[in-house]
């Protein structure tokens, strides 16, 4: 999209805001999510929270990951 120059300029603003929030929460010790997906056109966003199942699925880790 960047090559075609069709990416909305507000995407960078939104990504910067999400990154700043991740950094703040990480340094404050209360980061609970590891991925956020958003759609500016519809105004929706969703995050993946830090659970063993979601992190393993994101990393495509298989097998028993018990403690």
Protein backbone atom coordinates (compact mmCIF):
# COMPACT_ATOMS: atom_id res chain seq x y z
CA UNK A 1 0.00 0.00 0.00
CA UNK A 2 2.82 2.39 0.77
CA UNK A 3 4.26 1.92 -2.72
CA UNK A 4 0.87 2.75 -4.22
CA UNK A 5 0.54 5.67 -1.77
CA UNK A 6 -2.97 4.58 -0.75
CA UNK A 7 -2.31 4.18 2.97
CA UNK A 8 -4.11 6.76 5.05
CA UNK A 9 -1.80 9.19 6.80
CA UNK A 10 -3.77 8.62 9.99
CA UNK A 11 -2.55 5.00 10.05
CA UNK A 12 0.88 6.16 11.21
CA UNK A 13 -0.71 8.26 13.94
CA UNK A 14 -2.77 5.29 15.15
CA UNK A 15 0.22 2.92 15.10
CA UNK A 16 2.29 5.46 17.05
CA UNK A 17 -0.47 5.78 19.66
CA UNK A 18 -0.74 2.00 20.04
CA UNK A 19 3.05 1.64 20.29
CA UNK A 20 3.25 4.39 22.90
CA UNK A 21 0.53 2.69 24.95
CA UNK A 22 2.33 -0.67 24.71
CA UNK A 23 5.58 0.95 25.86
CA UNK A 24 3.90 2.79 28.73
CA UNK A 25 2.10 -0.33 29.96
CA UNK A 26 5.24 -2.46 29.59
CA UNK A 27 7.32 -0.07 31.70
CA UNK A 28 4.48 0.29 34.23
CA UNK A 29 4.35 -3.49 34.58
CA UNK A 30 0.78 -3.97 33.42
CA UNK A 31 1.06 -4.96 29.75
CA UNK A 32 -1.69 -7.49 29.06
CA UNK A 33 -1.77 -7.61 25.25
CA UNK A 34 0.74 -8.42 22.54
CA UNK A 35 -1.04 -7.58 19.29
CA UNK A 36 -3.60 -5.02 18.23
CA UNK A 37 -5.43 -4.97 14.92
CA UNK A 38 -7.44 -1.96 13.83
CA UNK A 39 -9.55 -0.85 10.90
CA UNK A 40 -9.74 2.92 10.55
CA UNK A 41 -12.54 2.78 8.00
CA UNK A 42 -14.92 0.95 10.33
CA UNK A 43 -13.45 2.41 13.52
CA UNK A 44 -12.89 -1.00 15.08
CA UNK A 45 -9.95 -2.47 16.93
CA UNK A 46 -9.21 -5.71 18.73
CA UNK A 47 -6.26 -6.92 20.74
CA UNK A 48 -4.82 -10.32 21.47
CA UNK A 49 -4.16 -10.71 25.14
CA UNK A 50 -1.16 -12.44 26.66
CA UNK A 51 -2.29 -15.98 27.33
CA UNK A 52 -0.31 -19.14 26.77
CA UNK A 53 -2.73 -20.31 24.08
CA UNK A 54 -2.77 -17.06 22.09
CA UNK A 55 1.00 -16.50 22.25
CA UNK A 56 1.71 -20.10 21.20
CA UNK A 57 -0.79 -19.81 18.34
CA UNK A 58 0.79 -16.54 17.18
CA UNK A 59 4.24 -18.12 17.28
CA UNK A 60 2.90 -21.35 15.77
CA UNK A 61 4.26 -23.34 18.70
CA UNK A 62 2.87 -26.86 18.98
CA UNK A 63 2.98 -29.49 21.66
CA UNK A 64 2.47 -29.40 25.40
CA UNK A 65 3.59 -26.09 26.91
CA UNK A 66 2.70 -26.93 30.54
CA UNK A 67 4.76 -25.34 33.29
